[in-house]
Amino acid sequence: MPNRDRLETTLSIWLSLGLFTLLTGFFWLTDRSLYSKSFYALFAVPALLGLIVTRTEMLKAIKQPAVLLFLVLAAWVLISLGWAEGDKVSSSLVKRPLYIFLALAGMLYLGAARATVPLRYVLLISMTVVTAFVAWTAPEFLATRKPWEHYIGPGILINQLLTSHVLGLLFVFGVASVFLSERWNHFFWICLLCCPILLWGIVLTSSRTPLVGIAAVLCWLCLIRPSRRTLCALGLMAALAVFAYVIQPTIFTSRGLSGRPEIWVAAFGKIMEQPLIGHGFEGSTEFFVEATKMTWRDPHNVMLAVALELGFIGLAIWIAMHVAALRACFVQRANTDAVVASCLVVFGLAAGLTEGGNFFSRPNESWFITWLPLGFAVAATAHMRTNQGSA
């Protein structure tokens, strides 16, 4: 069916362009609303068309446990709107699960042996582009910075912590690819050249969140691919800590724990007001932290945020969804793409321990530690279901 093949190729290219924009758009777009609109036009729409055109194959791919658990979670999110109270609660929230589902569907389409440009090359190109932006803008930042300023980056980036989510995910992709490359080809050398610059950008943000995620990833690599290279991973972990301390010693000491324990304890107290079902998606979750004399909504921990809004029922589904994704990657650990994807999931989970309260949002920087890692994981395992060759 030449016409169908042509349509599938067009959708694949369309989705690859959309994913590239999703991964790099913060650095070169001129308006934040354009970022969301580009996702709808370049990724959500072709993902929906892909579901329609290849519905039989896509239905098989969607039957992965992680995707099915996401659908259960999405249903629970929508049900929770029934008891959610607050200024942010509105009918427009119904669209949020759909956006995320289409993001996962688009990655599944690209991962299920249909991509004209393989997913790992979209990531490679995106990492290279972001690295170029960091190399271009970081020296100018250093030349003009004030003592209290942190690197944010160009484009529509607005907060150094959010910037670190983007840089952290791409760094983890690069460093995992370096450790897992079977031969020193162009892919290996590009990743090797990009990683130090991305790490430099992360250090300049002064955010410790990605450093926690990177350390967790290196430990995960020691578990999932035990070999001589994992010994190098342990050495690299120590080297990263030394590097960060030498370049910017205050990154570990200046802010202590930034009030996280006090925030977590207060958030847990709020959770226990309605522990089973939570306060509803985008409901009234404000809690007062005595140590800061402030009222907070963001618990600075993704799992606590899930429990706040969706209760322990929602949290159990959230954990099961990620465990299912990691299990699928672990089972298929002979495939490099699956192992790299699992590293991205581990990074997101670890980074989410100290940041990331907005877990069911429109496309934004928080997706880099929530839905994008999960999407790459289900795409990598979908690839293995339709093509047993090693990446």
Protein backbone atom coordinates (compact mmCIF):
# COMPACT_ATOMS: atom_id res chain seq x y z
CA MET A 1 0.00 0.00 0.00
CA PRO A 2 2.24 2.82 -1.30
CA ASN A 3 -0.11 5.59 -0.14
CA ARG A 4 -0.19 4.25 3.42
CA ASP A 5 3.59 3.84 3.48
CA ARG A 6 3.99 7.40 2.26
CA LEU A 7 1.60 8.64 4.95
CA GLU A 8 3.44 6.72 7.67
CA THR A 9 6.76 8.16 6.52
CA THR A 10 5.29 11.66 6.56
CA LEU A 11 3.92 11.14 10.08
CA SER A 12 7.28 9.82 11.24
CA ILE A 13 9.13 12.88 9.93
CA TRP A 14 6.45 15.17 11.35
CA LEU A 15 6.72 13.53 14.78
CA SER A 16 10.53 13.63 14.71
CA LEU A 17 10.41 17.36 14.04
CA GLY A 18 7.87 17.77 16.85
CA LEU A 19 10.05 15.83 19.29
CA PHE A 20 13.08 17.90 18.32
CA THR A 21 11.07 21.06 19.03
CA LEU A 22 9.87 19.63 22.33
CA LEU A 23 13.46 18.90 23.40
CA THR A 24 15.12 22.11 22.18
CA GLY A 25 12.36 24.71 21.76
CA PHE A 26 13.01 26.42 25.10
CA PHE A 27 16.36 27.60 23.76
CA TRP A 28 15.25 29.21 20.51
CA LEU A 29 11.51 29.98 20.58
CA THR A 30 10.50 33.57 21.32
CA ASP A 31 7.28 33.03 23.30
CA ARG A 32 6.32 30.36 25.83
CA SER A 33 2.86 29.95 24.32
CA LEU A 34 4.57 28.95 21.07
CA TYR A 35 6.12 25.99 22.87
CA SER A 36 2.73 24.53 23.75
CA LYS A 37 1.30 25.36 20.33
CA SER A 38 4.25 23.71 18.58
CA PHE A 39 3.63 20.55 20.63
CA TYR A 40 -0.03 20.49 19.62
CA ALA A 41 0.72 21.07 15.92
CA LEU A 42 3.93 19.09 15.48
CA PHE A 43 3.45 16.20 17.90
CA ALA A 44 -0.09 15.80 19.26
CA VAL A 45 -1.83 16.02 15.87
CA PRO A 46 0.46 13.55 14.03
CA ALA A 47 0.35 11.23 17.06
CA LEU A 48 -3.45 11.20 16.82
CA LEU A 49 -3.23 10.53 13.08
CA GLY A 50 -0.75 7.74 13.77
CA LEU A 51 -3.24 6.14 16.15
CA ILE A 52 -5.87 6.24 13.43
CA VAL A 53 -3.69 5.09 10.53
CA THR A 54 -1.96 2.23 12.32
CA ARG A 55 -4.55 1.49 14.96
CA THR A 56 -3.94 -2.29 15.05
CA GLU A 57 -0.18 -1.98 15.61
CA MET A 58 -0.59 0.95 17.99
CA LEU A 59 -3.18 -0.87 20.07
CA LYS A 60 -0.65 -3.69 20.55
CA ALA A 61 1.99 -1.17 21.60
CA ILE A 62 -0.40 0.59 23.99
CA LYS A 63 -1.01 -2.71 25.80
CA GLN A 64 2.34 -2.31 27.55
CA PRO A 65 1.77 -2.35 31.34
CA ALA A 66 3.28 1.12 31.82
CA VAL A 67 0.93 2.66 29.25
CA LEU A 68 -2.12 0.84 30.63
CA LEU A 69 -1.24 2.05 34.12
CA PHE A 70 -0.95 5.59 32.76
CA LEU A 71 -4.50 5.26 31.42
CA VAL A 72 -5.65 4.11 34.86
CA LEU A 73 -3.87 7.08 36.43
CA ALA A 74 -5.43 9.46 33.88
CA ALA A 75 -8.87 8.08 34.70
CA TRP A 76 -8.22 8.59 38.43
CA VAL A 77 -7.09 12.18 37.72
CA LEU A 78 -10.35 12.90 35.93
CA ILE A 79 -12.41 11.25 38.66
CA SER A 80 -10.62 13.35 41.29
CA LEU A 81 -11.94 16.53 39.67
CA GLY A 82 -15.24 15.57 41.27
CA TRP A 83 -14.00 16.44 44.76
CA ALA A 84 -11.26 18.96 43.90
CA GLU A 85 -11.79 22.48 45.23
CA GLY A 86 -9.81 25.59 44.37
CA ASP A 87 -9.36 28.46 41.96
CA LYS A 88 -7.43 26.33 39.44
CA VAL A 89 -10.09 23.65 39.05
CA SER A 90 -11.89 23.97 35.69
CA SER A 91 -13.17 21.86 32.82
CA SER A 92 -10.02 22.70 30.80
CA LEU A 93 -8.05 20.34 33.05
CA VAL A 94 -9.69 17.42 31.23
CA LYS A 95 -7.31 18.12 28.32
CA ARG A 96 -4.16 17.50 30.37
CA PRO A 97 -4.31 13.67 30.38
CA LEU A 98 -5.05 13.75 26.64
CA TYR A 99 -1.93 15.83 25.91
CA ILE A 100 0.24 13.42 27.87
CA PHE A 101 -1.36 10.35 26.28
CA LEU A 102 -0.70 11.77 22.81
CA ALA A 103 2.92 12.44 23.81
CA LEU A 104 3.29 8.80 24.83
CA ALA A 105 1.47 7.65 21.67
CA GLY A 106 3.76 9.74 19.47
CA MET A 107 6.83 8.21 21.04
CA LEU A 108 5.32 4.75 20.75
CA TYR A 109 4.75 5.38 17.05
CA LEU A 110 8.37 6.42 16.59
CA GLY A 111 9.63 3.54 18.72
CA ALA A 112 7.60 0.77 17.10
CA ALA A 113 10.05 0.38 14.20
CA ARG A 114 8.39 3.18 12.21
CA ALA A 115 10.77 6.08 12.64
CA THR A 116 12.43 7.43 9.52
CA VAL A 117 14.88 9.01 11.96
CA PRO A 118 15.47 6.68 14.96
CA LEU A 119 14.56 8.13 18.33
CA ARG A 120 18.15 7.99 19.54
CA TYR A 121 19.22 10.21 16.64
CA VAL A 122 16.50 12.75 17.40
CA LEU A 123 17.89 12.82 20.94
CA LEU A 124 21.46 13.07 19.64
CA ILE A 125 20.64 15.99 17.36
CA SER A 126 18.68 17.72 20.12
CA MET A 127 21.52 17.23 22.61
CA THR A 128 24.00 18.68 20.11
CA VAL A 129 21.82 21.74 19.47
CA VAL A 130 21.28 22.41 23.18
CA THR A 131 25.01 21.94 23.81
CA ALA A 132 25.75 24.55 21.15
CA PHE A 133 23.39 27.01 22.87
CA VAL A 134 25.10 26.41 26.22
CA ALA A 135 28.55 26.85 24.68
CA TRP A 136 27.37 30.07 23.05
CA THR A 137 25.57 31.69 25.99
CA ALA A 138 27.43 30.46 29.10
CA PRO A 139 30.63 32.47 28.47
CA GLU A 140 28.58 35.65 28.04
CA PHE A 141 26.74 34.85 31.28
CA LEU A 142 30.02 34.39 33.14
CA ALA A 143 31.37 37.66 31.78
CA THR A 144 28.38 39.67 33.01
CA ARG A 145 27.05 37.67 35.98
CA LYS A 146 26.42 39.16 39.39
CA PRO A 147 27.28 37.15 42.55
CA TRP A 148 23.68 36.08 43.17
CA GLU A 149 22.85 35.16 39.57
CA HIS A 150 22.62 31.64 38.16
CA TYR A 151 22.70 30.46 34.57
CA ILE A 152 19.26 30.21 32.99
CA GLY A 153 19.97 30.18 29.27
CA PRO A 154 18.54 31.85 26.15
CA GLY A 155 15.13 31.72 24.54
CA ILE A 156 12.09 31.29 26.77
CA LEU A 157 13.86 29.70 29.75
CA ILE A 158 12.84 31.53 32.92
CA ASN A 159 14.25 29.65 35.91
CA GLN A 160 17.60 27.99 36.56
CA LEU A 161 16.00 24.98 38.28
CA LEU A 162 13.80 24.32 35.26
CA THR A 163 16.77 24.78 32.94
CA SER A 164 18.62 22.11 34.90
CA HIS A 165 15.81 19.61 34.16
CA VAL A 166 16.40 20.04 30.42
CA LEU A 167 20.18 19.95 30.61
CA GLY A 168 20.11 17.04 33.05
CA LEU A 169 17.98 14.79 30.87
CA LEU A 170 20.13 15.40 27.79
CA PHE A 171 23.34 14.93 29.80
CA VAL A 172 22.09 11.58 31.10
CA PHE A 173 21.27 10.50 27.56
CA GLY A 174 24.78 11.45 26.48
CA VAL A 175 26.65 9.87 29.37
CA ALA A 176 24.60 6.65 29.24
CA SER A 177 25.22 6.42 25.49
CA VAL A 178 28.98 6.83 26.07
CA PHE A 179 29.06 4.02 28.63
CA LEU A 180 26.90 1.70 26.55
CA SER A 181 28.39 2.26 23.09
CA GLU A 182 29.79 -0.96 21.67
CA ARG A 183 32.20 0.85 19.39
CA TRP A 184 33.75 4.29 19.18
CA ASN A 185 31.72 5.63 16.29
CA HIS A 186 30.44 9.13 15.50
CA PHE A 187 27.58 8.67 17.97
CA PHE A 188 30.05 7.94 20.78
CA TRP A 189 32.29 10.92 20.00
CA ILE A 190 29.45 13.43 19.68
CA CYS A 191 28.07 12.35 23.07
CA LEU A 192 31.54 12.46 24.61
CA LEU A 193 32.08 16.02 23.36
CA CYS A 194 28.65 17.26 24.46
CA CYS A 195 28.64 15.84 27.99
CA PRO A 196 31.27 18.14 29.56
CA ILE A 197 29.56 21.26 28.17
CA LEU A 198 26.13 20.14 29.38
CA LEU A 199 27.59 19.35 32.81
CA TRP A 200 29.16 22.81 32.85
CA GLY A 201 25.74 24.32 32.16
CA ILE A 202 24.20 22.23 34.96
CA VAL A 203 26.84 23.42 37.43
CA LEU A 204 26.25 27.05 36.41
CA THR A 205 22.54 26.70 37.24
CA SER A 206 23.61 25.89 40.84
CA SER A 207 20.82 23.31 40.94
CA ARG A 208 21.61 20.14 42.87
CA THR A 209 18.52 18.34 41.59
CA PRO A 210 20.14 16.99 38.39
CA LEU A 211 23.26 15.99 40.34
CA VAL A 212 21.07 13.72 42.48
CA GLY A 213 19.56 12.29 39.31
CA ILE A 214 22.95 11.75 37.66
CA ALA A 215 24.31 9.94 40.73
CA ALA A 216 21.24 7.67 40.75
CA VAL A 217 21.71 6.91 37.05
CA LEU A 218 25.31 5.86 37.52
CA CYS A 219 24.28 3.53 40.36
CA TRP A 220 21.52 2.12 38.12
CA LEU A 221 24.04 1.45 35.35
CA CYS A 222 26.10 -0.57 37.81
CA LEU A 223 23.01 -2.71 38.44
CA ILE A 224 21.61 -3.11 34.95
CA ARG A 225 24.91 -3.49 33.06
CA PRO A 226 27.53 -4.78 35.52
CA SER A 227 30.88 -4.75 33.70
CA ARG A 228 34.23 -2.98 33.61
CA ARG A 229 32.43 0.08 32.36
CA THR A 230 30.35 0.22 35.53
CA LEU A 231 33.59 0.62 37.47
CA CYS A 232 34.25 3.62 35.25
CA ALA A 233 30.74 4.83 36.13
CA LEU A 234 31.59 4.74 39.82
CA GLY A 235 34.79 6.66 39.12
CA LEU A 236 32.88 9.17 37.03
CA MET A 237 30.40 9.69 39.87
CA ALA A 238 33.24 10.69 42.18
CA ALA A 239 34.83 12.81 39.45
CA LEU A 240 31.56 14.67 38.87
CA ALA A 241 31.33 15.53 42.56
CA VAL A 242 34.93 16.74 42.63
CA PHE A 243 34.44 18.71 39.42
CA ALA A 244 31.33 20.40 40.75
CA TYR A 245 33.04 21.22 44.04
CA VAL A 246 36.14 22.65 42.35
CA ILE A 247 34.16 24.78 39.89
CA GLN A 248 31.56 25.94 42.39
CA PRO A 249 32.14 24.76 45.99
CA THR A 250 29.02 26.48 47.31
CA ILE A 251 26.79 24.22 45.22
CA PHE A 252 26.93 21.65 48.05
CA THR A 253 27.18 23.87 51.10
CA SER A 254 25.68 27.32 50.65
CA ARG A 255 21.99 26.44 50.96
CA GLY A 256 22.04 23.37 53.16
CA LEU A 257 18.87 21.37 52.45
CA SER A 258 16.97 24.49 51.31
CA GLY A 259 14.17 23.79 53.79
CA ARG A 260 13.15 20.59 51.99
CA PRO A 261 12.63 18.43 55.12
CA GLU A 262 10.36 21.05 56.70
CA ILE A 263 8.37 21.40 53.46
CA TRP A 264 8.02 17.63 53.12
CA VAL A 265 6.82 17.19 56.70
CA ALA A 266 4.22 19.96 56.29
CA ALA A 267 3.10 18.49 52.95
CA PHE A 268 2.73 15.05 54.51
CA GLY A 269 0.55 16.56 57.21
CA LYS A 270 -1.69 18.00 54.49
CA ILE A 271 -1.79 14.61 52.76
CA MET A 272 -3.00 12.95 55.95
CA GLU A 273 -6.07 15.18 55.97
CA GLN A 274 -7.38 13.10 53.06
CA PRO A 275 -4.86 10.31 52.59
CA LEU A 276 -6.72 7.81 50.44
CA ILE A 277 -8.11 9.95 47.61
CA GLY A 278 -6.22 13.22 48.03
CA HIS A 279 -7.49 16.75 47.56
CA GLY A 280 -8.26 16.31 43.87
CA PHE A 281 -6.35 17.28 40.74
CA GLU A 282 -5.32 20.96 41.04
CA GLY A 283 -7.40 21.14 44.22
CA SER A 284 -6.68 23.15 47.36
CA THR A 285 -3.34 21.75 48.52
CA GLU A 286 -1.85 24.78 50.25
CA PHE A 287 0.04 24.04 53.47
CA PHE A 288 1.84 26.28 55.94
CA VAL A 289 5.51 25.69 56.74
CA GLU A 290 6.40 27.04 60.16
CA ALA A 291 10.15 27.16 59.44
CA THR A 292 9.67 29.49 56.49
CA LYS A 293 6.59 31.32 57.79
CA MET A 294 5.08 30.84 54.34
CA THR A 295 2.20 28.98 52.72
CA TRP A 296 3.27 26.55 50.02
CA ARG A 297 1.50 24.64 47.28
CA ASP A 298 4.49 22.88 45.75
CA PRO A 299 5.93 20.17 48.04
CA HIS A 300 9.16 20.04 45.96
CA ASN A 301 8.74 16.32 45.52
CA VAL A 302 6.81 14.69 42.70
CA MET A 303 5.58 11.74 44.75
CA LEU A 304 4.33 13.99 47.54
CA ALA A 305 2.62 16.17 44.92
CA VAL A 306 0.87 13.09 43.50
CA ALA A 307 -0.21 12.01 46.98
CA LEU A 308 -1.45 15.52 47.80
CA GLU A 309 -3.78 15.65 44.83
CA LEU A 310 -4.55 11.97 44.13
CA GLY A 311 -4.00 10.36 47.52
CA PHE A 312 -2.24 7.09 48.20
CA ILE A 313 -4.37 5.45 45.52
CA GLY A 314 -2.93 7.77 42.88
CA LEU A 315 0.56 7.43 44.31
CA ALA A 316 0.35 3.63 44.13
CA ILE A 317 -0.62 3.83 40.45
CA TRP A 318 2.18 6.36 39.80
CA ILE A 319 4.80 4.10 41.39
CA ALA A 320 3.46 0.99 39.63
CA MET A 321 3.60 2.81 36.26
CA HIS A 322 7.29 3.63 36.67
CA VAL A 323 8.13 0.21 38.07
CA ALA A 324 6.48 -1.37 35.03
CA ALA A 325 8.52 0.85 32.68
CA LEU A 326 11.77 0.02 34.47
CA ARG A 327 10.94 -3.68 34.58
CA ALA A 328 10.32 -3.76 30.82
CA CYS A 329 13.66 -2.02 30.22
CA PHE A 330 15.45 -4.36 32.64
CA VAL A 331 14.00 -7.46 30.98
CA GLN A 332 15.18 -6.14 27.61
CA ARG A 333 18.55 -4.90 28.90
CA ALA A 334 20.41 -6.59 26.06
CA ASN A 335 19.07 -3.72 23.93
CA THR A 336 21.03 -0.47 24.33
CA ASP A 337 18.04 1.78 23.63
CA ALA A 338 16.09 0.14 26.47
CA VAL A 339 18.96 0.62 28.93
CA VAL A 340 19.45 4.28 27.95
CA ALA A 341 15.70 4.85 28.31
CA SER A 342 15.74 3.24 31.76
CA CYS A 343 18.51 5.67 32.75
CA LEU A 344 16.27 8.57 31.75
CA VAL A 345 13.45 7.16 33.92
CA VAL A 346 15.79 6.75 36.88
CA PHE A 347 17.03 10.32 36.38
CA GLY A 348 13.46 11.63 36.40
CA LEU A 349 12.50 9.67 39.51
CA ALA A 350 15.59 10.76 41.44
CA ALA A 351 15.36 14.39 40.33
CA GLY A 352 11.69 14.35 41.29
CA LEU A 353 12.63 13.66 44.91
CA THR A 354 13.62 17.31 45.39
CA GLU A 355 11.72 19.16 42.65
CA GLY A 356 8.73 18.90 40.35
CA GLY A 357 5.33 19.47 41.91
CA ASN A 358 3.47 20.05 38.62
CA PHE A 359 3.15 16.43 37.48
CA PHE A 360 0.10 16.65 35.14
CA SER A 361 0.82 19.84 33.24
CA ARG A 362 0.84 21.17 29.73
CA PRO A 363 4.20 20.68 27.97
CA ASN A 364 6.88 22.47 30.00
CA GLU A 365 10.25 21.86 31.65
CA SER A 366 8.74 19.52 34.26
CA TRP A 367 8.07 17.01 31.46
CA PHE A 368 11.83 16.43 31.30
CA ILE A 369 11.68 14.62 34.66
CA THR A 370 8.20 13.12 34.31
CA TRP A 371 6.64 12.26 30.96
CA LEU A 372 9.53 12.43 28.50
CA PRO A 373 11.58 9.77 30.35
CA LEU A 374 8.52 7.53 30.56
CA GLY A 375 7.80 8.12 26.88
CA PHE A 376 11.31 7.11 25.84
CA ALA A 377 11.04 3.97 28.00
CA VAL A 378 7.77 2.76 26.47
CA ALA A 379 9.09 3.64 22.99
CA ALA A 380 12.26 1.61 23.52
CA THR A 381 10.36 -1.43 24.73
CA ALA A 382 7.79 -1.05 21.93
CA HIS A 383 10.71 -1.15 19.48
CA MET A 384 11.82 -4.46 20.94
CA ARG A 385 8.31 -5.88 20.63
CA THR A 386 8.33 -5.32 16.87
CA ASN A 387 12.04 -5.59 16.08
CA GLN A 388 14.25 -7.86 18.13
CA GLY A 389 17.49 -6.47 16.74
CA SER A 390 19.88 -4.67 19.08
CA ALA A 391 20.17 -0.90 18.82
